[in-house]
Amino acid sequence: MRRAAKVDKNHGAIVDALRSLDFSVSSTAAIGQGFPDVVCGYGGRTFLVEIKDGSKPPSARNLTPDQVKFRDSWKGDYTVLESVEDVRDFHEQVCFDLWEAK
């Protein structure tokens, strides 16, 4: 039997921040095996997001070997967010990319 997924303590705050900026968000933390913590959508695009706790030391925020393997093999949008401030920057970048694509 698989153990319950462990999520970083800022998981809820980051999901709330994404939703407040009109991203649709589904938590996928329970999938495990290196799959990112959330899948979110904005402007017709889909993003895979790994959440790390930015309050931890840098060494404790490293991707696990499974996460690195997944990230390196993924051919779509993938980002790591560590804080609500990261969410704002991510939103700004996504909006810029959508505007540039027009």
C-alpha atoms as a PDB file:
ATOM      1  CA  MET A   1       0.000   0.000   0.000  1.00  0.00           C
ATOM      2  CA  ARG A   2       1.322   3.443  -0.983  1.00  0.00           C
ATOM      3  CA  ARG A   3       1.860   6.011   1.778  1.00  0.00           C
ATOM      4  CA  ALA A   4       0.071   9.350   1.687  1.00  0.00           C
ATOM      5  CA  ALA A   5       1.856  11.918  -0.440  1.00  0.00           C
ATOM      6  CA  LYS A   6       4.048  14.352   1.446  1.00  0.00           C
ATOM      7  CA  VAL A   7       3.579  17.954   0.352  1.00  0.00           C
ATOM      8  CA  ASP A   8       5.649  20.989   1.269  1.00  0.00           C
ATOM      9  CA  LYS A   9       4.143  23.284   3.891  1.00  0.00           C
ATOM     10  CA  ASN A  10       3.715  26.086   1.327  1.00  0.00           C
ATOM     11  CA  HIS A  11       1.759  23.853  -1.100  1.00  0.00           C
ATOM     12  CA  GLY A  12      -1.619  25.333  -0.123  1.00  0.00           C
ATOM     13  CA  ALA A  13      -0.399  28.934  -0.263  1.00  0.00           C
ATOM     14  CA  ILE A  14       1.088  28.435  -3.727  1.00  0.00           C
ATOM     15  CA  VAL A  15      -2.070  26.724  -5.023  1.00  0.00           C
ATOM     16  CA  ASP A  16      -4.190  29.552  -3.562  1.00  0.00           C
ATOM     17  CA  ALA A  17      -1.920  32.162  -5.175  1.00  0.00           C
ATOM     18  CA  LEU A  18      -2.170  30.440  -8.568  1.00  0.00           C
ATOM     19  CA  ARG A  19      -5.969  30.292  -8.297  1.00  0.00           C
ATOM     20  CA  SER A  20      -6.144  33.957  -7.237  1.00  0.00           C
ATOM     21  CA  LEU A  21      -4.406  34.806 -10.537  1.00  0.00           C
ATOM     22  CA  ASP A  22      -7.027  32.806 -12.473  1.00  0.00           C
ATOM     23  CA  PHE A  23      -4.998  29.641 -13.077  1.00  0.00           C
ATOM     24  CA  SER A  24      -6.976  26.435 -12.959  1.00  0.00           C
ATOM     25  CA  VAL A  25      -5.137  24.059 -10.629  1.00  0.00           C
ATOM     26  CA  SER A  26      -5.284  20.339  -9.900  1.00  0.00           C
ATOM     27  CA  SER A  27      -3.068  18.821  -7.243  1.00  0.00           C
ATOM     28  CA  THR A  28      -1.184  15.779  -8.484  1.00  0.00           C
ATOM     29  CA  ALA A  29       1.124  15.347  -5.491  1.00  0.00           C
ATOM     30  CA  ALA A  30      -0.286  11.887  -4.769  1.00  0.00           C
ATOM     31  CA  ILE A  31       0.954  10.515  -8.105  1.00  0.00           C
ATOM     32  CA  GLY A  32       4.564  10.435  -6.923  1.00  0.00           C
ATOM     33  CA  GLN A  33       7.364   8.834  -8.976  1.00  0.00           C
ATOM     34  CA  GLY A  34       8.767  12.270  -9.839  1.00  0.00           C
ATOM     35  CA  PHE A  35       5.533  13.668 -11.279  1.00  0.00           C
ATOM     36  CA  PRO A  36       5.131  17.369 -10.377  1.00  0.00           C
ATOM     37  CA  ASP A  37       2.902  18.501  -7.519  1.00  0.00           C
ATOM     38  CA  VAL A  38       0.316  20.406  -9.556  1.00  0.00           C
ATOM     39  CA  VAL A  39      -0.999  20.751 -13.076  1.00  0.00           C
ATOM     40  CA  CYS A  40      -2.320  24.185 -13.886  1.00  0.00           C
ATOM     41  CA  GLY A  41      -3.813  25.905 -16.878  1.00  0.00           C
ATOM     42  CA  TYR A  42      -3.858  29.497 -18.055  1.00  0.00           C
ATOM     43  CA  GLY A  43      -4.597  31.103 -21.404  1.00  0.00           C
ATOM     44  CA  GLY A  44      -5.093  27.761 -23.126  1.00  0.00           C
ATOM     45  CA  ARG A  45      -1.740  26.392 -21.949  1.00  0.00           C
ATOM     46  CA  THR A  46      -0.962  23.666 -19.443  1.00  0.00           C
ATOM     47  CA  PHE A  47       1.924  23.809 -16.974  1.00  0.00           C
ATOM     48  CA  LEU A  48       3.426  21.174 -14.719  1.00  0.00           C
ATOM     49  CA  VAL A  49       4.577  22.731 -11.460  1.00  0.00           C
ATOM     50  CA  GLU A  50       6.848  21.296  -8.803  1.00  0.00           C
ATOM     51  CA  ILE A  51       6.449  23.022  -5.436  1.00  0.00           C
ATOM     52  CA  LYS A  52       9.448  23.354  -3.161  1.00  0.00           C
ATOM     53  CA  ASP A  53       9.556  25.068   0.226  1.00  0.00           C
ATOM     54  CA  GLY A  54      11.600  28.226  -0.225  1.00  0.00           C
ATOM     55  CA  SER A  55      12.063  28.598   3.523  1.00  0.00           C
ATOM     56  CA  LYS A  56      14.224  25.461   3.638  1.00  0.00           C
ATOM     57  CA  PRO A  57      17.971  25.534   2.984  1.00  0.00           C
ATOM     58  CA  PRO A  58      18.873  25.228  -0.723  1.00  0.00           C
ATOM     59  CA  SER A  59      20.081  21.645  -0.273  1.00  0.00           C
ATOM     60  CA  ALA A  60      16.639  20.659   1.062  1.00  0.00           C
ATOM     61  CA  ARG A  61      14.959  22.194  -2.017  1.00  0.00           C
ATOM     62  CA  ASN A  62      16.781  20.087  -4.573  1.00  0.00           C
ATOM     63  CA  LEU A  63      14.728  17.944  -6.884  1.00  0.00           C
ATOM     64  CA  THR A  64      14.756  14.262  -6.020  1.00  0.00           C
ATOM     65  CA  PRO A  65      16.371  11.876  -8.517  1.00  0.00           C
ATOM     66  CA  ASP A  66      12.883  10.866  -9.743  1.00  0.00           C
ATOM     67  CA  GLN A  67      11.926  14.529 -10.200  1.00  0.00           C
ATOM     68  CA  VAL A  68      15.120  15.253 -12.149  1.00  0.00           C
ATOM     69  CA  LYS A  69      14.514  12.235 -14.377  1.00  0.00           C
ATOM     70  CA  PHE A  70      10.931  13.352 -15.030  1.00  0.00           C
ATOM     71  CA  ARG A  71      11.908  16.990 -15.683  1.00  0.00           C
ATOM     72  CA  ASP A  72      14.689  16.025 -18.048  1.00  0.00           C
ATOM     73  CA  SER A  73      12.417  13.761 -20.091  1.00  0.00           C
ATOM     74  CA  TRP A  74       9.406  16.115 -20.184  1.00  0.00           C
ATOM     75  CA  LYS A  75       8.892  17.965 -23.466  1.00  0.00           C
ATOM     76  CA  GLY A  76       6.375  20.505 -22.209  1.00  0.00           C
ATOM     77  CA  ASP A  77       6.126  23.376 -19.759  1.00  0.00           C
ATOM     78  CA  TYR A  78       7.645  22.573 -16.359  1.00  0.00           C
ATOM     79  CA  THR A  79       8.497  25.000 -13.589  1.00  0.00           C
ATOM     80  CA  VAL A  80       9.502  24.962  -9.945  1.00  0.00           C
ATOM     81  CA  LEU A  81       7.838  27.430  -7.573  1.00  0.00           C
ATOM     82  CA  GLU A  82       9.134  28.078  -4.058  1.00  0.00           C
ATOM     83  CA  SER A  83       7.028  31.032  -2.890  1.00  0.00           C
ATOM     84  CA  VAL A  84       4.000  33.206  -3.549  1.00  0.00           C
ATOM     85  CA  GLU A  85       6.423  35.749  -5.044  1.00  0.00           C
ATOM     86  CA  ASP A  86       7.539  33.065  -7.500  1.00  0.00           C
ATOM     87  CA  VAL A  87       3.878  32.609  -8.458  1.00  0.00           C
ATOM     88  CA  ARG A  88       3.579  36.308  -9.298  1.00  0.00           C
ATOM     89  CA  ASP A  89       6.740  36.159 -11.418  1.00  0.00           C
ATOM     90  CA  PHE A  90       5.504  32.985 -13.117  1.00  0.00           C
ATOM     91  CA  HIS A  91       2.159  34.640 -13.913  1.00  0.00           C
ATOM     92  CA  GLU A  92       3.934  37.671 -15.347  1.00  0.00           C
ATOM     93  CA  GLN A  93       6.113  35.461 -17.558  1.00  0.00           C
ATOM     94  CA  VAL A  94       3.143  33.393 -18.754  1.00  0.00           C
ATOM     95  CA  CYS A  95       1.195  36.553 -19.640  1.00  0.00           C
ATOM     96  CA  PHE A  96       4.221  37.944 -21.494  1.00  0.00           C
ATOM     97  CA  ASP A  97       4.683  34.684 -23.425  1.00  0.00           C
ATOM     98  CA  LEU A  98       0.989  34.638 -24.387  1.00  0.00           C
ATOM     99  CA  TRP A  99       1.169  38.246 -25.526  1.00  0.00           C
ATOM    100  CA  GLU A 100       4.332  37.574 -27.550  1.00  0.00           C
ATOM    101  CA  ALA A 101       2.661  34.589 -29.232  1.00  0.00           C
ATOM    102  CA  LYS A 102      -0.099  36.780 -30.690  1.00  0.00           C
END
